[in-house]
Amino acid sequence: MHTFLLRVGLVGQNSSDTVDKVKQLLKETLKKDFNNSNRVLKERMDHNLVNIFGLVGQNSTDTVDKVKQLLKETLKKDFNNSSRVLKERMDHNLVNIFGSDAHFQLRVNAMWNVGGVVYPPKKKSFFVSILVKDKEHIIITAKYKEIKNLKGLSAMVVARCLKEKEDVDKLENVPKCLFDDIKEFCDF
């Protein structure tokens, strides 16, 4: 069993203030112990970059949420793990969000190497980029995540029921050994 973990980011014209915030974040992250692991460093940076960039830019939070939900629903249907099929289905439905297809350009690229791990073709992740006319990019990664055991499945199911990552620590009838796994799913 597997699922896809989604992370949203918006890229566009960034101010010098934003660049300074990213530089400061990197400095602070490097000061903390990350076991000299680029994977740990990347995870910490990815999580905090969303806080810096947020869902700002020209695309509204509502629009980004609709696109993310569309991607989630599209990934649930069988698409033979094909970026071409995923793109065709997304293209068809994005018209409902953006109006005419003249208002956006969609790209879906397969990622075979994520965080230094090379995945076989059936376990690839996807990079989805939508250039919206006059509104900058919406970028979403769909990271392949294999569910190997009951613990992982339980964490995924619980995370889908929560609205915020902070709600994990408030759970009363869930074993604490699941908290970190649940939080990982909540990040996406």
N, C-alpha and C. Protein backbone atom coordinates (compact mmCIF):
# COMPACT_ATOMS: atom_id res chain seq x y z
N MET A 1 0.84 -1.17 0.00
CA MET A 1 0.00 0.00 0.00
C MET A 1 0.89 1.24 0.00
N HIS A 2 0.40 2.31 -0.56
CA HIS A 2 1.15 3.56 -0.56
C HIS A 2 0.16 4.73 -0.61
N THR A 3 0.70 5.91 -0.43
CA THR A 3 -0.07 7.13 -0.60
C THR A 3 0.88 8.19 -1.13
N PHE A 4 0.37 9.35 -1.44
CA PHE A 4 1.20 10.46 -1.86
C PHE A 4 1.08 11.56 -0.83
N LEU A 5 2.20 12.14 -0.43
CA LEU A 5 2.21 13.24 0.51
C LEU A 5 2.39 14.52 -0.28
N LEU A 6 1.53 15.46 -0.07
CA LEU A 6 1.55 16.69 -0.86
C LEU A 6 2.14 17.85 -0.07
N ARG A 7 2.91 18.65 -0.74
CA ARG A 7 3.45 19.86 -0.14
C ARG A 7 3.21 21.00 -1.14
N VAL A 8 2.67 22.08 -0.67
CA VAL A 8 2.34 23.20 -1.53
C VAL A 8 3.36 24.31 -1.34
N GLY A 9 3.76 24.94 -2.43
CA GLY A 9 4.61 26.11 -2.39
C GLY A 9 4.26 27.01 -3.54
N LEU A 10 4.40 28.27 -3.35
CA LEU A 10 4.14 29.24 -4.41
C LEU A 10 5.45 29.95 -4.73
N VAL A 11 5.77 30.03 -5.98
CA VAL A 11 7.00 30.67 -6.38
C VAL A 11 6.66 31.82 -7.33
N GLY A 12 7.31 32.90 -7.15
CA GLY A 12 7.07 34.06 -8.01
C GLY A 12 8.18 35.05 -7.80
N GLN A 13 7.88 36.32 -7.91
CA GLN A 13 8.88 37.36 -7.70
C GLN A 13 8.98 37.61 -6.21
N ASN A 14 10.14 37.33 -5.65
CA ASN A 14 10.32 37.44 -4.21
C ASN A 14 11.06 38.72 -3.86
N SER A 15 10.63 39.35 -2.78
CA SER A 15 11.26 40.58 -2.32
C SER A 15 12.57 40.27 -1.62
N SER A 16 13.40 41.27 -1.45
CA SER A 16 14.66 41.08 -0.74
C SER A 16 14.40 40.68 0.71
N ASP A 17 13.29 41.15 1.28
CA ASP A 17 12.90 40.78 2.64
C ASP A 17 12.67 39.27 2.73
N THR A 18 12.00 38.71 1.73
CA THR A 18 11.75 37.27 1.70
C THR A 18 13.05 36.50 1.58
N VAL A 19 13.94 36.97 0.72
CA VAL A 19 15.24 36.32 0.54
C VAL A 19 16.02 36.35 1.85
N ASP A 20 15.97 37.47 2.56
CA ASP A 20 16.65 37.58 3.86
C ASP A 20 16.07 36.59 4.87
N LYS A 21 14.75 36.43 4.86
CA LYS A 21 14.12 35.47 5.77
C LYS A 21 14.59 34.05 5.48
N VAL A 22 14.71 33.71 4.20
CA VAL A 22 15.17 32.37 3.83
C VAL A 22 16.62 32.17 4.26
N LYS A 23 17.45 33.20 4.05
CA LYS A 23 18.85 33.11 4.48
C LYS A 23 18.94 32.90 5.99
N GLN A 24 18.14 33.65 6.74
CA GLN A 24 18.14 33.53 8.19
C GLN A 24 17.67 32.14 8.62
N LEU A 25 16.64 31.65 7.96
CA LEU A 25 16.15 30.31 8.26
C LEU A 25 17.25 29.27 8.05
N LEU A 26 17.97 29.38 6.94
CA LEU A 26 19.04 28.43 6.66
C LEU A 26 20.12 28.51 7.74
N LYS A 27 20.48 29.72 8.15
CA LYS A 27 21.49 29.88 9.20
C LYS A 27 21.03 29.21 10.49
N GLU A 28 19.79 29.45 10.88
CA GLU A 28 19.27 28.87 12.12
C GLU A 28 19.18 27.35 12.02
N THR A 29 18.80 26.86 10.87
CA THR A 29 18.67 25.41 10.68
C THR A 29 20.04 24.74 10.74
N LEU A 30 21.05 25.39 10.18
CA LEU A 30 22.40 24.82 10.20
C LEU A 30 23.00 24.80 11.61
N LYS A 31 22.54 25.71 12.47
CA LYS A 31 23.03 25.75 13.85
C LYS A 31 22.54 24.55 14.65
N LYS A 32 21.38 24.03 14.30
CA LYS A 32 20.81 22.89 15.02
C LYS A 32 21.44 21.60 14.53
N ASP A 33 21.45 20.61 15.39
CA ASP A 33 22.03 19.31 15.02
C ASP A 33 21.14 18.63 13.98
N PHE A 34 21.68 18.38 12.81
CA PHE A 34 20.94 17.68 11.77
C PHE A 34 21.72 16.46 11.29
N ASN A 35 22.66 15.99 12.15
CA ASN A 35 23.44 14.78 11.89
C ASN A 35 24.15 14.80 10.54
N ASN A 36 24.45 15.99 10.07
CA ASN A 36 25.12 16.16 8.78
C ASN A 36 24.39 15.43 7.66
N SER A 37 23.06 15.40 7.77
CA SER A 37 22.22 14.71 6.80
C SER A 37 21.48 15.72 5.93
N ASN A 38 21.71 15.67 4.64
CA ASN A 38 21.00 16.59 3.75
C ASN A 38 19.50 16.32 3.76
N ARG A 39 19.09 15.08 4.04
CA ARG A 39 17.67 14.75 4.11
C ARG A 39 17.02 15.47 5.29
N VAL A 40 17.67 15.42 6.46
CA VAL A 40 17.13 16.09 7.65
C VAL A 40 17.10 17.60 7.42
N LEU A 41 18.17 18.14 6.86
CA LEU A 41 18.23 19.57 6.58
C LEU A 41 17.13 19.99 5.61
N LYS A 42 16.95 19.21 4.55
CA LYS A 42 15.92 19.51 3.56
C LYS A 42 14.53 19.48 4.18
N GLU A 43 14.27 18.45 5.01
CA GLU A 43 12.95 18.35 5.64
C GLU A 43 12.66 19.56 6.53
N ARG A 44 13.65 19.97 7.31
CA ARG A 44 13.45 21.13 8.19
C ARG A 44 13.26 22.41 7.37
N MET A 45 14.03 22.56 6.32
CA MET A 45 13.89 23.75 5.48
C MET A 45 12.53 23.74 4.78
N ASP A 46 12.14 22.62 4.19
CA ASP A 46 10.85 22.53 3.49
C ASP A 46 9.71 22.93 4.41
N HIS A 47 9.73 22.38 5.62
CA HIS A 47 8.64 22.67 6.56
C HIS A 47 8.58 24.17 6.88
N ASN A 48 9.73 24.78 7.12
CA ASN A 48 9.76 26.19 7.52
C ASN A 48 9.60 27.16 6.35
N LEU A 49 9.97 26.73 5.15
CA LEU A 49 9.79 27.61 3.99
C LEU A 49 8.33 27.90 3.73
N VAL A 50 7.47 26.92 4.00
CA VAL A 50 6.04 27.15 3.83
C VAL A 50 5.59 28.27 4.76
N ASN A 51 6.19 28.35 5.97
CA ASN A 51 5.85 29.42 6.90
C ASN A 51 6.29 30.78 6.38
N ILE A 52 7.41 30.82 5.66
CA ILE A 52 7.89 32.09 5.12
C ILE A 52 7.07 32.51 3.90
N PHE A 53 6.91 31.58 2.96
CA PHE A 53 6.19 31.93 1.75
C PHE A 53 4.68 31.87 1.95
N GLY A 54 4.26 30.96 2.85
CA GLY A 54 2.84 30.80 3.10
C GLY A 54 2.11 30.56 1.80
N LEU A 55 0.90 31.00 1.73
CA LEU A 55 0.13 30.93 0.50
C LEU A 55 -0.08 32.34 0.00
N VAL A 56 1.04 33.04 -0.11
CA VAL A 56 0.98 34.40 -0.61
C VAL A 56 1.20 34.38 -2.10
N GLY A 57 1.39 35.49 -2.67
CA GLY A 57 1.49 35.57 -4.11
C GLY A 57 0.13 35.98 -4.63
N GLN A 58 -0.07 35.81 -5.89
CA GLN A 58 -1.29 36.27 -6.53
C GLN A 58 -2.42 35.25 -6.46
N ASN A 59 -2.11 33.99 -6.18
CA ASN A 59 -3.14 32.95 -6.10
C ASN A 59 -3.71 32.90 -4.69
N SER A 60 -5.01 32.86 -4.58
CA SER A 60 -5.65 32.85 -3.25
C SER A 60 -5.48 31.49 -2.59
N THR A 61 -5.58 31.49 -1.28
CA THR A 61 -5.52 30.25 -0.51
C THR A 61 -6.62 29.30 -0.97
N ASP A 62 -7.79 29.84 -1.24
CA ASP A 62 -8.92 29.04 -1.70
C ASP A 62 -8.59 28.33 -3.02
N THR A 63 -7.98 29.05 -3.94
CA THR A 63 -7.61 28.47 -5.24
C THR A 63 -6.59 27.35 -5.05
N VAL A 64 -5.57 27.61 -4.23
CA VAL A 64 -4.54 26.60 -3.99
C VAL A 64 -5.14 25.37 -3.33
N ASP A 65 -6.04 25.58 -2.38
CA ASP A 65 -6.70 24.44 -1.72
C ASP A 65 -7.51 23.62 -2.71
N LYS A 66 -8.18 24.29 -3.65
CA LYS A 66 -8.96 23.57 -4.66
C LYS A 66 -8.04 22.75 -5.57
N VAL A 67 -6.91 23.31 -5.94
CA VAL A 67 -5.96 22.60 -6.80
C VAL A 67 -5.39 21.40 -6.05
N LYS A 68 -5.03 21.61 -4.79
CA LYS A 68 -4.48 20.52 -3.99
C LYS A 68 -5.51 19.40 -3.83
N GLN A 69 -6.76 19.75 -3.59
CA GLN A 69 -7.81 18.75 -3.45
C GLN A 69 -8.03 18.00 -4.76
N LEU A 70 -7.99 18.72 -5.88
CA LEU A 70 -8.11 18.08 -7.19
C LEU A 70 -6.98 17.07 -7.40
N LEU A 71 -5.76 17.46 -7.05
CA LEU A 71 -4.63 16.55 -7.19
C LEU A 71 -4.82 15.31 -6.31
N LYS A 72 -5.25 15.52 -5.07
CA LYS A 72 -5.48 14.38 -4.17
C LYS A 72 -6.50 13.41 -4.77
N GLU A 73 -7.61 13.94 -5.27
CA GLU A 73 -8.65 13.10 -5.85
C GLU A 73 -8.15 12.39 -7.10
N THR A 74 -7.37 13.08 -7.91
CA THR A 74 -6.83 12.49 -9.14
C THR A 74 -5.86 11.36 -8.81
N LEU A 75 -5.06 11.55 -7.76
CA LEU A 75 -4.10 10.51 -7.37
C LEU A 75 -4.77 9.28 -6.80
N LYS A 76 -5.98 9.43 -6.27
CA LYS A 76 -6.70 8.28 -5.71
C LYS A 76 -7.21 7.34 -6.80
N LYS A 77 -7.43 7.88 -8.00
CA LYS A 77 -7.91 7.05 -9.11
C LYS A 77 -6.72 6.41 -9.81
N ASP A 78 -6.93 5.26 -10.40
CA ASP A 78 -5.85 4.57 -11.09
C ASP A 78 -5.41 5.40 -12.30
N PHE A 79 -4.13 5.75 -12.33
CA PHE A 79 -3.57 6.49 -13.46
C PHE A 79 -2.29 5.84 -13.96
N ASN A 80 -2.10 4.56 -13.58
CA ASN A 80 -0.94 3.77 -14.00
C ASN A 80 0.38 4.44 -13.67
N ASN A 81 0.36 5.29 -12.67
CA ASN A 81 1.55 6.04 -12.24
C ASN A 81 2.20 6.76 -13.42
N SER A 82 1.35 7.27 -14.31
CA SER A 82 1.81 7.94 -15.52
C SER A 82 1.63 9.45 -15.39
N SER A 83 2.71 10.20 -15.56
CA SER A 83 2.61 11.66 -15.49
C SER A 83 1.74 12.19 -16.63
N ARG A 84 1.72 11.52 -17.77
CA ARG A 84 0.89 11.94 -18.89
C ARG A 84 -0.59 11.83 -18.55
N VAL A 85 -0.98 10.69 -17.96
CA VAL A 85 -2.39 10.49 -17.58
C VAL A 85 -2.77 11.47 -16.47
N LEU A 86 -1.89 11.64 -15.50
CA LEU A 86 -2.15 12.58 -14.41
C LEU A 86 -2.36 13.99 -14.95
N LYS A 87 -1.51 14.39 -15.90
CA LYS A 87 -1.64 15.73 -16.50
C LYS A 87 -2.95 15.87 -17.26
N GLU A 88 -3.31 14.87 -18.05
CA GLU A 88 -4.56 14.94 -18.83
C GLU A 88 -5.77 15.11 -17.91
N ARG A 89 -5.81 14.33 -16.84
CA ARG A 89 -6.94 14.42 -15.91
C ARG A 89 -6.96 15.76 -15.17
N MET A 90 -5.80 16.23 -14.78
CA MET A 90 -5.72 17.52 -14.08
C MET A 90 -6.12 18.65 -15.04
N ASP A 91 -5.56 18.63 -16.26
CA ASP A 91 -5.88 19.66 -17.26
C ASP A 91 -7.39 19.79 -17.46
N HIS A 92 -8.02 18.65 -17.61
CA HIS A 92 -9.46 18.62 -17.86
C HIS A 92 -10.24 19.28 -16.72
N ASN A 93 -9.83 19.04 -15.48
CA ASN A 93 -10.56 19.55 -14.32
C ASN A 93 -10.11 20.92 -13.85
N LEU A 94 -8.90 21.34 -14.20
CA LEU A 94 -8.44 22.67 -13.79
C LEU A 94 -9.25 23.78 -14.45
N VAL A 95 -9.86 23.49 -15.57
CA VAL A 95 -10.72 24.47 -16.24
C VAL A 95 -11.85 24.89 -15.29
N ASN A 96 -12.33 23.97 -14.46
CA ASN A 96 -13.39 24.28 -13.50
C ASN A 96 -12.91 25.25 -12.42
N ILE A 97 -11.61 25.29 -12.18
CA ILE A 97 -11.05 26.19 -11.16
C ILE A 97 -10.64 27.52 -11.75
N PHE A 98 -9.96 27.48 -12.91
CA PHE A 98 -9.40 28.70 -13.50
C PHE A 98 -10.23 29.28 -14.64
N GLY A 99 -11.28 28.60 -15.04
CA GLY A 99 -12.06 29.08 -16.18
C GLY A 99 -11.52 28.46 -17.45
N SER A 100 -11.05 29.25 -18.33
CA SER A 100 -10.53 28.77 -19.62
C SER A 100 -9.13 28.19 -19.46
N ASP A 101 -8.79 27.23 -20.34
CA ASP A 101 -7.43 26.68 -20.30
C ASP A 101 -6.40 27.70 -20.81
N ALA A 102 -6.88 28.83 -21.32
CA ALA A 102 -5.97 29.90 -21.74
C ALA A 102 -5.40 30.65 -20.52
N HIS A 103 -5.98 30.39 -19.33
CA HIS A 103 -5.56 31.11 -18.12
C HIS A 103 -4.49 30.37 -17.32
N PHE A 104 -4.13 29.16 -17.73
CA PHE A 104 -3.12 28.41 -16.98
C PHE A 104 -2.35 27.47 -17.90
N GLN A 105 -1.17 27.09 -17.43
CA GLN A 105 -0.36 26.09 -18.12
C GLN A 105 0.11 25.09 -17.07
N LEU A 106 -0.21 23.82 -17.28
CA LEU A 106 0.10 22.76 -16.33
C LEU A 106 1.28 21.92 -16.81
N ARG A 107 2.18 21.63 -15.88
CA ARG A 107 3.27 20.69 -16.14
C ARG A 107 3.29 19.66 -15.03
N VAL A 108 3.42 18.42 -15.40
CA VAL A 108 3.54 17.32 -14.43
C VAL A 108 4.79 16.54 -14.79
N ASN A 109 5.73 16.50 -13.88
CA ASN A 109 6.99 15.79 -14.11
C ASN A 109 7.15 14.69 -13.08
N ALA A 110 7.61 13.54 -13.53
CA ALA A 110 7.89 12.43 -12.63
C ALA A 110 9.23 12.68 -11.95
N MET A 111 9.31 12.32 -10.68
CA MET A 111 10.56 12.45 -9.93
C MET A 111 10.98 11.04 -9.52
N TRP A 112 12.11 10.62 -9.99
CA TRP A 112 12.61 9.28 -9.70
C TRP A 112 13.57 9.29 -8.52
N ASN A 113 14.15 10.44 -8.25
CA ASN A 113 15.14 10.57 -7.20
C ASN A 113 14.65 11.63 -6.23
N VAL A 114 14.23 11.20 -5.04
CA VAL A 114 13.69 12.12 -4.05
C VAL A 114 14.52 11.99 -2.78
N GLY A 115 15.14 13.09 -2.39
CA GLY A 115 15.94 13.08 -1.16
C GLY A 115 17.10 12.10 -1.23
N GLY A 116 17.67 11.91 -2.41
CA GLY A 116 18.80 11.01 -2.57
C GLY A 116 18.42 9.55 -2.73
N VAL A 117 17.12 9.24 -2.69
CA VAL A 117 16.65 7.86 -2.86
C VAL A 117 16.12 7.72 -4.29
N VAL A 118 16.64 6.75 -5.02
CA VAL A 118 16.18 6.51 -6.39
C VAL A 118 15.09 5.44 -6.33
N TYR A 119 13.91 5.79 -6.83
CA TYR A 119 12.75 4.90 -6.79
C TYR A 119 12.55 4.19 -8.12
N PRO A 120 12.03 2.96 -8.07
CA PRO A 120 11.68 2.27 -9.32
C PRO A 120 10.47 2.96 -9.96
N PRO A 121 10.21 2.71 -11.25
CA PRO A 121 9.14 3.40 -11.97
C PRO A 121 7.77 3.36 -11.31
N LYS A 122 7.42 2.28 -10.63
CA LYS A 122 6.10 2.20 -10.03
C LYS A 122 6.01 2.98 -8.72
N LYS A 123 7.13 3.49 -8.22
CA LYS A 123 7.15 4.20 -6.95
C LYS A 123 7.64 5.63 -7.12
N LYS A 124 7.36 6.25 -8.24
CA LYS A 124 7.87 7.59 -8.47
C LYS A 124 6.94 8.64 -7.86
N SER A 125 7.52 9.79 -7.59
CA SER A 125 6.78 10.93 -7.09
C SER A 125 6.55 11.89 -8.25
N PHE A 126 5.77 12.96 -8.00
CA PHE A 126 5.45 13.89 -9.07
C PHE A 126 5.62 15.34 -8.62
N PHE A 127 6.04 16.15 -9.56
CA PHE A 127 6.20 17.59 -9.37
C PHE A 127 5.17 18.26 -10.29
N VAL A 128 4.21 18.96 -9.70
CA VAL A 128 3.13 19.59 -10.45
C VAL A 128 3.33 21.10 -10.39
N SER A 129 3.42 21.73 -11.54
CA SER A 129 3.60 23.17 -11.61
C SER A 129 2.51 23.76 -12.50
N ILE A 130 1.82 24.75 -11.96
CA ILE A 130 0.77 25.42 -12.72
C ILE A 130 1.12 26.89 -12.81
N LEU A 131 1.34 27.36 -14.01
CA LEU A 131 1.56 28.78 -14.23
C LEU A 131 0.20 29.40 -14.53
N VAL A 132 -0.25 30.27 -13.64
CA VAL A 132 -1.55 30.90 -13.78
C VAL A 132 -1.34 32.29 -14.36
N LYS A 133 -2.07 32.58 -15.42
CA LYS A 133 -1.93 33.86 -16.11
C LYS A 133 -2.06 35.02 -15.13
N ASP A 134 -1.05 35.87 -15.08
CA ASP A 134 -0.99 37.07 -14.24
C ASP A 134 -1.01 36.77 -12.74
N LYS A 135 -0.73 35.52 -12.33
CA LYS A 135 -0.83 35.21 -10.89
C LYS A 135 0.29 34.32 -10.37
N GLU A 136 1.40 34.21 -11.02
CA GLU A 136 2.53 33.41 -10.56
C GLU A 136 2.25 31.91 -10.61
N HIS A 137 3.16 31.12 -10.05
CA HIS A 137 3.07 29.66 -10.09
C HIS A 137 2.40 29.09 -8.84
N ILE A 138 1.78 27.95 -9.01
CA ILE A 138 1.37 27.09 -7.90
C ILE A 138 2.19 25.82 -8.10
N ILE A 139 2.95 25.46 -7.07
CA ILE A 139 3.80 24.27 -7.18
C ILE A 139 3.41 23.31 -6.08
N ILE A 140 3.16 22.07 -6.47
CA ILE A 140 2.78 21.03 -5.52
C ILE A 140 3.61 19.79 -5.83
N THR A 141 4.21 19.22 -4.80
CA THR A 141 4.89 17.95 -5.00
C THR A 141 4.02 16.85 -4.41
N ALA A 142 3.94 15.76 -5.12
CA ALA A 142 3.23 14.57 -4.65
C ALA A 142 4.30 13.51 -4.42
N LYS A 143 4.69 13.36 -3.17
CA LYS A 143 5.79 12.47 -2.81
C LYS A 143 5.25 11.07 -2.54
N TYR A 144 5.80 10.08 -3.23
CA TYR A 144 5.41 8.69 -3.04
C TYR A 144 5.77 8.27 -1.62
N LYS A 145 4.83 7.67 -0.94
CA LYS A 145 5.05 7.20 0.43
C LYS A 145 4.47 5.80 0.55
N GLU A 146 5.35 4.83 0.72
CA GLU A 146 4.89 3.45 0.86
C GLU A 146 4.43 3.20 2.29
N ILE A 147 3.27 2.60 2.42
CA ILE A 147 2.73 2.23 3.73
C ILE A 147 3.07 0.75 3.92
N LYS A 148 4.01 0.47 4.80
CA LYS A 148 4.54 -0.89 4.92
C LYS A 148 3.95 -1.69 6.07
N ASN A 149 3.29 -1.02 7.00
CA ASN A 149 2.81 -1.75 8.16
C ASN A 149 1.56 -1.09 8.73
N LEU A 150 0.99 -1.73 9.73
CA LEU A 150 -0.22 -1.23 10.36
C LEU A 150 0.01 0.12 11.04
N LYS A 151 1.20 0.30 11.59
CA LYS A 151 1.54 1.57 12.24
C LYS A 151 1.44 2.73 11.24
N GLY A 152 2.02 2.54 10.06
CA GLY A 152 1.96 3.58 9.02
C GLY A 152 0.55 3.82 8.55
N LEU A 153 -0.21 2.76 8.35
CA LEU A 153 -1.60 2.89 7.92
C LEU A 153 -2.42 3.63 8.98
N SER A 154 -2.21 3.28 10.25
CA SER A 154 -2.94 3.94 11.33
C SER A 154 -2.61 5.43 11.38
N ALA A 155 -1.33 5.76 11.25
CA ALA A 155 -0.91 7.16 11.29
C ALA A 155 -1.55 7.95 10.15
N MET A 156 -1.59 7.36 8.96
CA MET A 156 -2.19 8.03 7.81
C MET A 156 -3.68 8.29 8.04
N VAL A 157 -4.40 7.29 8.54
CA VAL A 157 -5.84 7.42 8.76
C VAL A 157 -6.13 8.49 9.81
N VAL A 158 -5.38 8.49 10.90
CA VAL A 158 -5.59 9.49 11.95
C VAL A 158 -5.27 10.89 11.42
N ALA A 159 -4.17 11.02 10.69
CA ALA A 159 -3.78 12.34 10.15
C ALA A 159 -4.85 12.91 9.23
N ARG A 160 -5.51 12.06 8.47
CA ARG A 160 -6.55 12.53 7.55
C ARG A 160 -7.77 13.07 8.31
N CYS A 161 -7.92 12.69 9.56
CA CYS A 161 -9.05 13.15 10.37
C CYS A 161 -8.76 14.47 11.08
N LEU A 162 -7.51 14.90 11.09
CA LEU A 162 -7.12 16.11 11.81
C LEU A 162 -7.07 17.31 10.87
N LYS A 163 -7.34 18.47 11.42
CA LYS A 163 -7.28 19.70 10.63
C LYS A 163 -5.90 20.34 10.71
N GLU A 164 -5.25 20.25 11.86
CA GLU A 164 -3.97 20.90 12.10
C GLU A 164 -2.97 19.92 12.71
N LYS A 165 -1.71 20.12 12.41
CA LYS A 165 -0.66 19.28 12.97
C LYS A 165 -0.62 19.41 14.50
N GLU A 166 -0.95 20.60 15.00
CA GLU A 166 -0.93 20.85 16.44
C GLU A 166 -1.96 19.99 17.18
N ASP A 167 -2.97 19.51 16.48
CA ASP A 167 -4.01 18.69 17.10
C ASP A 167 -3.48 17.31 17.51
N VAL A 168 -2.35 16.90 16.96
CA VAL A 168 -1.80 15.57 17.26
C VAL A 168 -1.52 15.45 18.76
N ASP A 169 -0.90 16.46 19.34
CA ASP A 169 -0.55 16.41 20.76
C ASP A 169 -1.77 16.40 21.68
N LYS A 170 -2.93 16.74 21.15
CA LYS A 170 -4.17 16.75 21.94
C LYS A 170 -4.89 15.41 21.91
N LEU A 171 -4.43 14.48 21.08
CA LEU A 171 -5.08 13.17 20.97
C LEU A 171 -4.95 12.41 22.28
N GLU A 172 -6.05 11.82 22.73
CA GLU A 172 -6.04 11.13 24.02
C GLU A 172 -6.04 9.62 23.89
N ASN A 173 -6.75 9.06 22.96
CA ASN A 173 -6.89 7.61 22.84
C ASN A 173 -6.03 7.02 21.73
N VAL A 174 -4.96 7.71 21.40
CA VAL A 174 -4.04 7.25 20.36
C VAL A 174 -2.67 7.05 21.01
N PRO A 175 -2.03 5.91 20.76
CA PRO A 175 -0.71 5.68 21.36
C PRO A 175 0.29 6.76 20.97
N LYS A 176 1.04 7.23 21.94
CA LYS A 176 2.02 8.29 21.70
C LYS A 176 3.10 7.88 20.70
N CYS A 177 3.33 6.57 20.56
CA CYS A 177 4.34 6.09 19.61
C CYS A 177 3.95 6.40 18.17
N LEU A 178 2.69 6.76 17.93
CA LEU A 178 2.22 7.11 16.57
C LEU A 178 2.35 8.60 16.28
N PHE A 179 2.56 9.43 17.30
CA PHE A 179 2.51 10.87 17.14
C PHE A 179 3.45 11.40 16.04
N ASP A 180 4.71 10.95 16.04
CA ASP A 180 5.66 11.44 15.02
C ASP A 180 5.22 11.05 13.62
N ASP A 181 4.74 9.84 13.46
CA ASP A 181 4.27 9.39 12.15
C ASP A 181 3.03 10.17 11.70
N ILE A 182 2.14 10.41 12.65
CA ILE A 182 0.93 11.20 12.32
C ILE A 182 1.33 12.60 11.89
N LYS A 183 2.28 13.19 12.60
CA LYS A 183 2.74 14.56 12.29
C LYS A 183 3.37 14.61 10.89
N GLU A 184 4.07 13.54 10.52
CA GLU A 184 4.67 13.51 9.18
C GLU A 184 3.58 13.58 8.10
N PHE A 185 2.51 12.83 8.30
CA PHE A 185 1.41 12.88 7.34
C PHE A 185 0.70 14.24 7.37
N CYS A 186 0.62 14.85 8.54
CA CYS A 186 -0.04 16.16 8.66
C CYS A 186 0.75 17.25 7.93
N ASP A 187 2.06 17.08 7.82
CA ASP A 187 2.87 18.08 7.11
C ASP A 187 2.49 18.20 5.66
N PHE A 188 1.85 17.19 5.15
CA PHE A 188 1.51 17.18 3.74
C PHE A 188 0.05 17.36 3.62
